[in-house]
Every structure is written in C-alpha cells, then in structure tokens.
N, C-alpha and C. Protein backbone atom coordinates (compact mmCIF):
# COMPACT_ATOMS: atom_id res chain seq x y z
N MET A 1 -82.39 -24.09 14.48
CA MET A 1 -82.70 -23.57 13.76
C MET A 1 -82.32 -22.60 12.59
N GLN A 2 -81.62 -23.17 11.43
CA GLN A 2 -80.65 -21.82 11.01
C GLN A 2 -81.38 -22.26 9.33
N ILE A 3 -80.82 -20.90 8.88
CA ILE A 3 -80.94 -21.08 7.14
C ILE A 3 -79.29 -21.43 6.31
N LEU A 4 -79.88 -22.11 5.41
CA LEU A 4 -78.75 -22.89 4.52
C LEU A 4 -78.65 -21.67 3.53
N MET A 5 -77.21 -22.41 3.16
CA MET A 5 -76.42 -21.22 2.11
C MET A 5 -76.60 -21.34 1.16
N ILE A 6 -76.68 -20.47 -0.75
CA ILE A 6 -76.07 -21.07 -1.07
C ILE A 6 -75.34 -22.30 -1.99
N ASP A 7 -74.77 -22.62 -1.00
CA ASP A 7 -73.51 -23.47 -1.43
C ASP A 7 -74.65 -24.82 -0.67
N ASN A 8 -75.00 -25.18 -0.04
CA ASN A 8 -75.46 -26.16 0.38
C ASN A 8 -76.57 -27.07 -0.47
N GLU A 9 -75.81 -28.94 -0.16
CA GLU A 9 -76.99 -29.47 -1.38
C GLU A 9 -77.85 -29.40 -1.83
N THR A 10 -78.84 -29.03 -0.06
CA THR A 10 -79.68 -30.09 0.04
C THR A 10 -80.85 -28.50 -0.84
N LEU A 11 -80.27 -27.22 -0.99
CA LEU A 11 -80.82 -26.42 -1.41
C LEU A 11 -81.32 -26.77 -2.98
N ARG A 12 -80.42 -27.94 -3.90
CA ARG A 12 -80.88 -27.67 -4.94
C ARG A 12 -82.16 -29.08 -4.81
N GLN A 13 -81.42 -30.52 -3.72
CA GLN A 13 -83.32 -30.98 -4.38
C GLN A 13 -84.80 -30.76 -4.18
N LYS A 14 -84.82 -31.54 -4.95
CA LYS A 14 -86.12 -31.36 -5.13
C LYS A 14 -87.02 -32.03 -3.60
N SER A 15 -87.33 -30.99 -3.45
CA SER A 15 -88.40 -31.75 -2.04
C SER A 15 -89.67 -32.44 -2.50
N THR A 16 -89.11 -33.60 -1.53
CA THR A 16 -91.03 -34.83 -1.22
C THR A 16 -92.20 -33.55 -0.69
N PRO A 17 -93.75 -34.27 -0.72
CA PRO A 17 -94.43 -34.11 -0.63
C PRO A 17 -94.77 -34.24 1.02
N VAL A 18 -94.95 -33.19 1.87
CA VAL A 18 -95.38 -33.40 3.38
C VAL A 18 -96.74 -34.91 3.22
N LYS A 19 -96.43 -35.83 4.09
CA LYS A 19 -97.29 -37.13 3.65
C LYS A 19 -98.15 -36.76 5.14
N ASP A 20 -98.60 -36.11 5.66
CA ASP A 20 -99.15 -35.98 7.42
C ASP A 20 -99.32 -34.32 7.80
N ILE A 21 -100.64 -33.67 7.51
CA ILE A 21 -99.98 -32.97 8.20
C ILE A 21 -100.09 -32.41 9.42
N ASN A 22 -99.45 -32.84 10.85
CA ASN A 22 -99.65 -32.36 12.12
C ASN A 22 -98.93 -31.72 13.21
N GLU A 23 -98.74 -32.26 14.24
CA GLU A 23 -98.07 -31.32 14.77
C GLU A 23 -97.08 -30.84 14.87
N ASP A 24 -96.22 -31.92 14.27
CA ASP A 24 -94.80 -31.77 14.25
C ASP A 24 -94.35 -31.01 12.81
N ILE A 25 -95.42 -30.41 12.23
CA ILE A 25 -95.65 -29.60 11.33
C ILE A 25 -96.14 -28.32 11.37
N GLU A 26 -96.61 -28.07 12.57
CA GLU A 26 -97.02 -26.64 13.27
C GLU A 26 -96.26 -26.71 13.85
N THR A 27 -95.57 -27.30 14.31
CA THR A 27 -93.98 -25.94 15.36
C THR A 27 -93.31 -26.36 14.07
N LEU A 28 -93.16 -27.50 13.51
CA LEU A 28 -91.81 -26.65 12.23
C LEU A 28 -92.58 -25.46 12.27
N LEU A 29 -94.06 -24.88 10.86
CA LEU A 29 -93.46 -23.69 10.82
C LEU A 29 -93.54 -22.81 11.94
N ALA A 30 -93.94 -22.81 12.88
CA ALA A 30 -94.02 -21.77 13.89
C ALA A 30 -92.41 -21.88 13.81
N GLY A 31 -91.56 -22.38 14.33
CA GLY A 31 -89.71 -22.79 14.02
C GLY A 31 -89.55 -21.11 12.72
N MET A 32 -90.27 -21.87 11.37
CA MET A 32 -89.92 -21.08 10.34
C MET A 32 -90.20 -19.75 10.65
N PHE A 33 -91.24 -19.13 10.82
CA PHE A 33 -92.05 -17.85 11.17
C PHE A 33 -91.06 -17.13 12.21
N GLU A 34 -90.93 -17.68 13.27
CA GLU A 34 -89.86 -16.66 13.73
C GLU A 34 -88.51 -16.69 13.30
N LEU A 35 -87.86 -18.10 12.33
CA LEU A 35 -86.33 -17.58 11.87
C LEU A 35 -86.89 -15.66 10.38
N LEU A 36 -88.04 -16.62 10.01
CA LEU A 36 -88.29 -15.35 8.83
C LEU A 36 -87.80 -14.04 9.55
N ASP A 37 -89.31 -14.36 10.65
CA ASP A 37 -89.10 -12.78 11.59
C ASP A 37 -88.09 -11.83 12.14
N LYS A 38 -86.78 -13.38 12.16
CA LYS A 38 -85.61 -12.82 12.94
C LYS A 38 -85.08 -12.48 11.70
N HIS A 39 -84.56 -13.09 10.60
CA HIS A 39 -83.62 -12.03 8.67
C HIS A 39 -84.57 -11.24 8.75
N GLN A 40 -85.88 -11.50 8.87
CA GLN A 40 -86.72 -9.91 8.31
C GLN A 40 -86.89 -10.47 6.77
N GLY A 41 -87.31 -11.54 6.40
CA GLY A 41 -87.90 -12.14 5.43
C GLY A 41 -89.23 -11.87 4.76
N VAL A 42 -89.48 -12.30 3.85
CA VAL A 42 -90.66 -12.00 3.48
C VAL A 42 -91.74 -14.07 3.31
N GLY A 43 -90.55 -14.53 2.63
CA GLY A 43 -90.86 -16.40 2.78
C GLY A 43 -89.70 -17.00 2.99
N LEU A 44 -90.46 -17.82 3.48
CA LEU A 44 -89.29 -19.26 3.81
C LEU A 44 -89.40 -20.30 2.96
N ALA A 45 -88.70 -20.90 2.45
CA ALA A 45 -89.96 -22.96 2.43
C ALA A 45 -88.38 -23.51 3.06
N ALA A 46 -89.48 -25.10 3.56
CA ALA A 46 -88.67 -25.52 3.91
C ALA A 46 -87.00 -26.09 4.16
N ALA A 47 -86.81 -26.21 2.45
CA ALA A 47 -85.74 -26.72 2.02
C ALA A 47 -84.77 -25.47 3.13
N GLN A 48 -84.36 -24.45 2.99
CA GLN A 48 -83.93 -23.12 2.92
C GLN A 48 -83.62 -24.00 4.50
N ILE A 49 -84.07 -24.62 4.89
CA ILE A 49 -83.52 -24.51 6.77
C ILE A 49 -83.17 -26.60 6.81
N GLY A 50 -83.59 -27.28 5.99
CA GLY A 50 -82.27 -28.21 5.65
C GLY A 50 -83.52 -29.71 5.85
N ILE A 51 -84.91 -28.79 5.10
CA ILE A 51 -86.06 -29.97 5.28
C ILE A 51 -86.83 -29.91 4.54
N PRO A 52 -86.17 -31.04 2.77
CA PRO A 52 -86.44 -31.03 2.09
C PRO A 52 -87.64 -31.74 2.37
N GLN A 53 -89.06 -30.77 2.05
CA GLN A 53 -90.50 -30.80 2.19
C GLN A 53 -91.11 -30.28 1.29
N ARG A 54 -92.30 -29.97 0.68
CA ARG A 54 -93.19 -29.13 0.27
C ARG A 54 -94.19 -28.43 0.75
N LEU A 55 -93.07 -28.02 1.18
CA LEU A 55 -93.58 -26.11 1.92
C LEU A 55 -93.12 -25.22 2.55
N PHE A 56 -93.53 -24.30 2.49
CA PHE A 56 -92.90 -22.59 2.59
C PHE A 56 -93.89 -21.27 3.41
N ILE A 57 -93.22 -20.72 3.30
CA ILE A 57 -94.66 -20.06 4.28
C ILE A 57 -93.94 -18.33 3.93
N THR A 58 -94.90 -17.26 4.19
CA THR A 58 -94.93 -16.13 4.20
C THR A 58 -95.39 -15.39 4.53
N ARG A 59 -95.22 -14.30 4.98
CA ARG A 59 -95.27 -13.04 5.71
C ARG A 59 -95.17 -11.48 5.26
N ILE A 60 -95.47 -10.58 4.84
CA ILE A 60 -95.51 -9.80 3.95
C ILE A 60 -95.94 -8.32 4.70
N GLY A 61 -95.18 -7.80 4.51
CA GLY A 61 -96.40 -6.48 5.28
C GLY A 61 -96.76 -7.04 6.50
N LYS A 62 -97.88 -6.24 6.74
CA LYS A 62 -98.81 -6.27 7.96
C LYS A 62 -100.39 -7.24 7.01
N ASP A 63 -99.49 -8.02 5.75
CA ASP A 63 -100.72 -9.78 5.01
C ASP A 63 -100.39 -9.98 6.21
N ILE A 64 -101.70 -11.33 6.32
CA ILE A 64 -101.47 -12.28 6.91
C ILE A 64 -100.06 -13.08 6.91
N PRO A 65 -99.84 -13.73 7.84
CA PRO A 65 -99.01 -14.91 7.52
C PRO A 65 -99.91 -16.29 7.19
N ARG A 66 -98.99 -16.47 5.92
CA ARG A 66 -99.65 -17.93 5.48
C ARG A 66 -98.69 -18.67 5.20
N ALA A 67 -99.33 -20.26 5.66
CA ALA A 67 -98.43 -21.56 5.13
C ALA A 67 -98.82 -21.71 3.56
N PHE A 68 -97.94 -22.44 3.51
CA PHE A 68 -97.88 -23.36 1.62
C PHE A 68 -97.64 -24.29 1.64
N ILE A 69 -98.59 -25.80 1.68
CA ILE A 69 -98.20 -27.27 2.21
C ILE A 69 -98.62 -27.87 0.49
N ASN A 70 -97.85 -28.56 0.16
CA ASN A 70 -98.26 -29.21 -1.04
C ASN A 70 -98.54 -28.35 -1.39
N PRO A 71 -97.49 -27.17 -2.41
CA PRO A 71 -98.51 -25.81 -3.08
C PRO A 71 -98.22 -26.54 -4.45
N SER A 72 -99.58 -25.95 -5.47
CA SER A 72 -99.05 -26.31 -6.67
C SER A 72 -99.64 -25.04 -7.63
N ILE A 73 -98.42 -24.34 -7.79
CA ILE A 73 -99.56 -23.61 -8.86
C ILE A 73 -100.22 -23.44 -10.92
N ILE A 74 -101.67 -23.86 -10.74
CA ILE A 74 -102.47 -24.13 -10.89
C ILE A 74 -102.47 -23.02 -12.57
N GLU A 75 -102.19 -21.76 -12.30
CA GLU A 75 -102.84 -20.98 -13.11
C GLU A 75 -101.00 -20.36 -13.21
N THR A 76 -101.09 -19.41 -14.22
CA THR A 76 -100.19 -17.53 -14.20
C THR A 76 -100.41 -17.38 -15.83
N SER A 77 -100.32 -15.89 -15.32
CA SER A 77 -100.23 -15.08 -16.28
C SER A 77 -99.17 -14.94 -17.75
N GLY A 78 -99.54 -14.59 -18.61
CA GLY A 78 -99.55 -14.26 -19.58
C GLY A 78 -98.40 -13.50 -19.52
N GLU A 79 -98.96 -12.09 -18.55
CA GLU A 79 -98.21 -10.81 -18.66
C GLU A 79 -96.91 -10.84 -17.88
N LEU A 80 -95.99 -10.51 -17.52
CA LEU A 80 -94.69 -11.10 -17.35
C LEU A 80 -94.73 -9.70 -16.62
N THR A 81 -93.77 -9.38 -15.09
CA THR A 81 -93.37 -8.09 -14.43
C THR A 81 -92.28 -8.36 -13.59
N ASP A 82 -90.92 -7.73 -13.99
CA ASP A 82 -90.02 -7.29 -13.26
C ASP A 82 -89.81 -6.91 -12.19
N TYR A 83 -89.06 -7.64 -10.83
CA TYR A 83 -88.58 -6.99 -10.04
C TYR A 83 -87.81 -7.81 -9.29
N GLU A 84 -86.91 -6.74 -8.60
CA GLU A 84 -85.61 -6.82 -7.86
C GLU A 84 -85.55 -8.43 -6.67
N GLU A 85 -84.91 -8.86 -6.37
CA GLU A 85 -84.91 -10.61 -5.89
C GLU A 85 -84.52 -10.54 -5.29
N GLY A 86 -83.68 -11.01 -3.87
CA GLY A 86 -82.65 -11.14 -3.39
C GLY A 86 -83.87 -13.28 -2.40
N CYS A 87 -82.55 -13.47 -1.23
CA CYS A 87 -82.66 -14.49 -0.59
C CYS A 87 -82.01 -14.96 0.40
N LEU A 88 -82.94 -14.75 1.71
CA LEU A 88 -82.19 -15.07 2.53
C LEU A 88 -81.29 -16.46 2.55
N SER A 89 -81.17 -17.49 1.31
CA SER A 89 -80.39 -18.29 1.60
C SER A 89 -78.96 -17.53 0.91
N MET A 90 -78.92 -16.13 0.38
CA MET A 90 -78.31 -15.60 -0.48
C MET A 90 -78.16 -13.85 0.14
N PRO A 91 -77.93 -14.35 1.66
CA PRO A 91 -77.86 -12.40 2.30
C PRO A 91 -77.11 -12.04 0.84
N GLY A 92 -77.73 -10.50 0.65
CA GLY A 92 -77.00 -8.96 0.72
C GLY A 92 -76.64 -8.53 -0.54
N VAL A 93 -77.30 -9.72 -2.05
CA VAL A 93 -76.96 -9.87 -3.58
C VAL A 93 -78.27 -9.63 -3.77
N TRP A 94 -78.99 -9.21 -5.10
CA TRP A 94 -79.94 -8.41 -5.53
C TRP A 94 -80.23 -8.66 -6.67
N ALA A 95 -81.58 -8.90 -7.40
CA ALA A 95 -80.79 -9.35 -8.95
C ALA A 95 -82.94 -9.12 -9.87
N HIS A 96 -82.42 -8.68 -11.03
CA HIS A 96 -83.77 -8.08 -11.58
C HIS A 96 -84.22 -9.77 -11.79
N ILE A 97 -85.35 -10.33 -12.00
CA ILE A 97 -86.13 -11.29 -12.45
C ILE A 97 -86.86 -10.91 -12.55
N THR A 98 -87.80 -12.05 -13.59
CA THR A 98 -88.31 -11.19 -14.11
C THR A 98 -89.69 -13.04 -14.67
N ARG A 99 -90.70 -12.14 -14.07
CA ARG A 99 -91.61 -13.53 -13.65
C ARG A 99 -92.63 -13.50 -13.74
N PRO A 100 -94.08 -14.42 -13.88
CA PRO A 100 -95.71 -13.50 -13.94
C PRO A 100 -96.04 -12.82 -13.12
N LYS A 101 -97.52 -11.90 -13.39
CA LYS A 101 -97.55 -11.10 -12.07
C LYS A 101 -98.46 -12.04 -11.45
N THR A 102 -99.13 -12.03 -12.20
CA THR A 102 -100.52 -13.69 -11.17
C THR A 102 -99.94 -14.43 -11.25
N ILE A 103 -100.65 -15.28 -10.07
CA ILE A 103 -100.73 -16.58 -10.48
C ILE A 103 -101.87 -17.02 -9.61
N ARG A 104 -101.96 -18.27 -10.01
CA ARG A 104 -103.64 -19.35 -9.06
C ARG A 104 -102.97 -20.50 -7.92
N VAL A 105 -102.65 -20.46 -7.16
CA VAL A 105 -101.77 -21.52 -6.34
C VAL A 105 -102.74 -22.33 -5.51
N GLN A 106 -103.15 -23.83 -5.46
CA GLN A 106 -103.38 -24.73 -4.89
C GLN A 106 -102.66 -24.97 -3.85
N ALA A 107 -102.86 -25.36 -1.89
CA ALA A 107 -102.43 -26.14 -2.08
C ALA A 107 -103.06 -26.08 -0.17
N TRP A 108 -102.53 -26.19 0.32
CA TRP A 108 -102.86 -26.85 1.65
C TRP A 108 -102.72 -26.64 3.12
N SER A 109 -103.18 -25.63 3.93
CA SER A 109 -103.43 -25.18 5.33
C SER A 109 -102.80 -25.21 6.76
N GLU A 110 -102.34 -25.50 7.49
CA GLU A 110 -101.75 -25.86 8.33
C GLU A 110 -102.41 -26.22 9.50
N LYS A 111 -103.60 -26.28 8.57
CA LYS A 111 -105.02 -26.49 9.72
C LYS A 111 -105.25 -27.93 9.03
N GLY A 112 -104.94 -28.11 7.19
CA GLY A 112 -105.00 -29.02 6.75
C GLY A 112 -106.56 -28.85 6.37
N LYS A 113 -106.60 -27.55 5.61
CA LYS A 113 -107.78 -27.48 4.58
C LYS A 113 -107.35 -27.23 3.72
N PRO A 114 -107.77 -27.43 2.46
CA PRO A 114 -107.59 -26.96 1.33
C PRO A 114 -107.44 -25.88 1.06
N PHE A 115 -106.45 -24.94 -0.15
CA PHE A 115 -107.73 -23.63 -0.52
C PHE A 115 -106.64 -23.45 -1.88
N THR A 116 -107.50 -22.23 -2.75
CA THR A 116 -106.95 -21.50 -3.59
C THR A 116 -107.09 -19.77 -3.58
N LEU A 117 -105.46 -20.04 -4.15
CA LEU A 117 -105.53 -18.05 -4.10
C LEU A 117 -104.42 -17.11 -4.95
N ASP A 118 -105.70 -16.51 -5.22
CA ASP A 118 -105.30 -16.00 -6.29
C ASP A 118 -104.38 -14.88 -6.34
N ALA A 119 -103.43 -14.52 -6.10
CA ALA A 119 -101.50 -13.71 -6.17
C ALA A 119 -101.24 -13.20 -7.32
N GLU A 120 -101.27 -11.50 -6.50
CA GLU A 120 -100.56 -10.28 -7.73
C GLU A 120 -99.68 -9.62 -7.27
N GLY A 121 -98.53 -9.01 -7.79
CA GLY A 121 -97.92 -8.18 -7.00
C GLY A 121 -96.57 -9.33 -6.01
N ILE A 122 -96.40 -8.44 -5.65
CA ILE A 122 -95.35 -9.14 -4.62
C ILE A 122 -95.95 -10.65 -4.34
N LEU A 123 -96.72 -10.41 -3.19
CA LEU A 123 -97.07 -12.13 -2.98
C LEU A 123 -97.37 -12.68 -3.67
N ALA A 124 -97.90 -12.56 -5.15
CA ALA A 124 -97.50 -13.60 -5.92
C ALA A 124 -96.15 -13.72 -6.28
N ARG A 125 -94.59 -12.68 -6.60
CA ARG A 125 -93.61 -13.14 -6.30
C ARG A 125 -92.83 -14.06 -5.85
N VAL A 126 -93.63 -13.63 -4.47
CA VAL A 126 -92.60 -14.95 -3.51
C VAL A 126 -93.05 -16.19 -3.67
N ILE A 127 -94.43 -16.55 -4.03
CA ILE A 127 -94.69 -17.78 -3.56
C ILE A 127 -94.71 -18.13 -4.52
N GLN A 128 -93.84 -17.50 -6.18
CA GLN A 128 -93.16 -17.80 -7.27
C GLN A 128 -91.65 -18.59 -6.64
N HIS A 129 -91.16 -17.58 -5.89
CA HIS A 129 -89.57 -17.27 -5.57
C HIS A 129 -89.60 -18.53 -4.21
N GLU A 130 -90.42 -19.38 -3.39
CA GLU A 130 -90.19 -20.07 -2.32
C GLU A 130 -90.76 -20.74 -3.61
N TYR A 131 -91.88 -21.58 -4.11
CA TYR A 131 -92.27 -22.50 -4.90
C TYR A 131 -91.19 -23.38 -6.08
N ASP A 132 -90.02 -22.69 -6.31
CA ASP A 132 -88.58 -22.57 -6.85
C ASP A 132 -88.14 -23.53 -5.88
N HIS A 133 -87.88 -22.81 -4.35
CA HIS A 133 -86.98 -23.39 -4.14
C HIS A 133 -87.55 -24.73 -3.13
N LEU A 134 -88.79 -24.97 -3.99
CA LEU A 134 -89.17 -26.47 -3.68
C LEU A 134 -88.90 -27.34 -4.25
N ASP A 135 -88.70 -27.09 -6.24
CA ASP A 135 -88.00 -27.66 -6.55
C ASP A 135 -86.47 -27.39 -7.41
N GLY A 136 -85.48 -27.43 -5.69
CA GLY A 136 -84.09 -26.96 -5.85
C GLY A 136 -83.83 -25.85 -6.97
N THR A 137 -84.48 -25.08 -7.07
CA THR A 137 -83.97 -24.11 -8.44
C THR A 137 -83.89 -23.29 -7.24
N LEU A 138 -83.10 -22.09 -7.57
CA LEU A 138 -82.69 -20.90 -6.93
C LEU A 138 -82.82 -19.52 -7.91
N PHE A 139 -83.11 -17.84 -7.45
CA PHE A 139 -83.58 -17.63 -8.16
C PHE A 139 -82.91 -17.21 -9.72
N ILE A 140 -81.18 -17.39 -8.93
CA ILE A 140 -80.17 -16.93 -9.25
C ILE A 140 -79.78 -17.40 -11.07
N ASP A 141 -80.51 -18.92 -10.65
CA ASP A 141 -80.76 -19.83 -11.86
C ASP A 141 -81.83 -19.31 -13.07
N LYS A 142 -82.50 -17.59 -12.97
CA LYS A 142 -83.13 -17.18 -14.03
C LYS A 142 -82.41 -15.98 -14.23
N LEU A 143 -80.93 -16.40 -13.96
CA LEU A 143 -79.64 -14.93 -15.45
C LEU A 143 -79.82 -15.82 -15.65
N SER A 144 -78.83 -15.19 -16.64
CA SER A 144 -77.78 -15.46 -17.42
C SER A 144 -76.28 -15.88 -17.05
N ALA A 145 -75.52 -16.55 -17.29
CA ALA A 145 -74.92 -17.24 -16.44
C ALA A 145 -73.37 -16.29 -16.90
N LEU A 146 -73.14 -14.77 -17.40
CA LEU A 146 -72.47 -13.77 -16.74
C LEU A 146 -72.86 -13.09 -15.53
N LYS A 147 -74.73 -12.61 -15.43
CA LYS A 147 -75.30 -12.23 -14.45
C LYS A 147 -75.23 -12.96 -13.37
N ARG A 148 -75.36 -14.32 -13.09
CA ARG A 148 -75.70 -15.54 -12.63
C ARG A 148 -73.93 -15.28 -11.70
N GLU A 149 -73.23 -15.52 -12.41
CA GLU A 149 -71.58 -14.92 -12.23
C GLU A 149 -70.82 -13.67 -11.27
N ARG A 150 -71.32 -12.80 -11.51
CA ARG A 150 -70.90 -11.68 -11.19
C ARG A 150 -72.00 -11.75 -10.04
N LEU A 151 -73.26 -11.62 -9.44
CA LEU A 151 -73.38 -12.20 -8.45
C LEU A 151 -72.57 -12.82 -7.07
N LEU A 152 -72.72 -14.53 -8.05
CA LEU A 152 -71.56 -15.10 -7.24
C LEU A 152 -70.43 -14.61 -6.58
N SER A 153 -69.70 -13.80 -7.27
CA SER A 153 -68.44 -13.56 -7.55
C SER A 153 -68.98 -12.05 -5.87
N LYS A 154 -70.21 -10.58 -6.44
CA LYS A 154 -70.48 -10.40 -5.45
C LYS A 154 -71.05 -11.56 -3.66
N TYR A 155 -71.73 -12.39 -4.44
CA TYR A 155 -71.86 -12.67 -2.72
C TYR A 155 -70.03 -13.67 -1.38
N GLU A 156 -69.46 -14.57 -2.48
CA GLU A 156 -68.19 -14.42 -1.72
C GLU A 156 -67.57 -13.25 -1.49
N ARG A 157 -67.22 -12.05 -1.70
CA ARG A 157 -66.85 -10.89 -1.85
C ARG A 157 -67.31 -10.97 0.16
N LEU A 158 -68.90 -10.20 -0.20
CA LEU A 158 -69.71 -10.11 1.27
C LEU A 158 -69.34 -11.07 2.10
N LYS A 159 -69.63 -13.09 1.57
CA LYS A 159 -68.94 -13.37 3.06
C LYS A 159 -67.75 -13.00 3.44
N LYS A 160 -66.76 -12.57 3.17
CA LYS A 160 -64.76 -12.38 3.62
C LYS A 160 -65.33 -11.41 4.44
N ILE A 161 -66.08 -9.91 3.77
CA ILE A 161 -66.10 -9.23 5.10
C ILE A 161 -66.97 -9.61 5.69
N LYS A 162 -68.10 -9.89 6.30
CA LYS A 162 -68.44 -10.70 7.72
C LYS A 162 -67.71 -11.93 8.52
N LYS A 163 -66.80 -12.11 8.16
CA LYS A 163 -65.82 -13.29 8.42
C LYS A 163 -64.84 -12.61 9.64
C-alpha cells in the first residue's frame, strides 16, 4: 500500500460508495492507519491509495482515530477560517486554504454503525480536506491559478531534489 502522488489520475476520480462494511474494509482501514502513521499525517482518503471508494480516516494528535465510510457533510457554518494545509499526495508544499469553520458530518463507522459528528477547528478542516478527495478535488484546486502554478512548480523542484 502506497500513497499516490498528485499527478496520478485516480486522485481526480469521483469515488463510489462502499457497498458492504466487512472484513475487507476493516483490513483496508487498518492498513490506511498504518500508512497514515508512517507518513505522520492527520487524514487519508482511500482514493489516495488507489481505491476510489467513499471512505477516509483521521487521526489528529491524541484525538481518537476515526473512520468515515460513505460520509456526507450535511451542514457547514457561514463563518470561514483560513489555515495552512498540505497533503500526503503532494508532500513538502503548503498553502492557506479557506474553509467553513465548523461542519456536521454523517457517516458509517468501521463497525457499520451510523453516526453524526459536529466538528470544529483542525478536525473540521481535515474532514473537509479528505471529503474533497472523495470527489476528486485536491486542496490546490481551491487556489487561484497563479498560486496553484507556483505550488506545482515548487512541488516539481522538491521532487527533483529528492531523486
């Protein structure tokens, strides 16, 4: 299991709903948490590992790890907040992104139980970022064309240095 980089077309696909929450999904989620921890991330969508299904995970600091299967963001605040974001599919680059400050999300847990969660702060931001992945949207898509091009150029320079 590896994280796809930004130029991979799978990241631009709209993910399909998970049909059955079973042992395969539990195994997938466990592997995703291992990968998330390995890369010291706070969120990871299945699309980022080449599996275009509507699920993602979060683990923020000492907060409990969470799985969101077939999530829906059902409410967002009118109040917006700006914060620097990065992405495991585009390591080494960050940009200020404006998003709703609070959200309400409904999803299914890894145990097949429905839940509703009100989130604010970094958790709300991470959920929105990962949720975007389910629709084939990347954080750089929220930037102006000029800022996006600068970020992509910086990413390409970083890739060459790492080779």
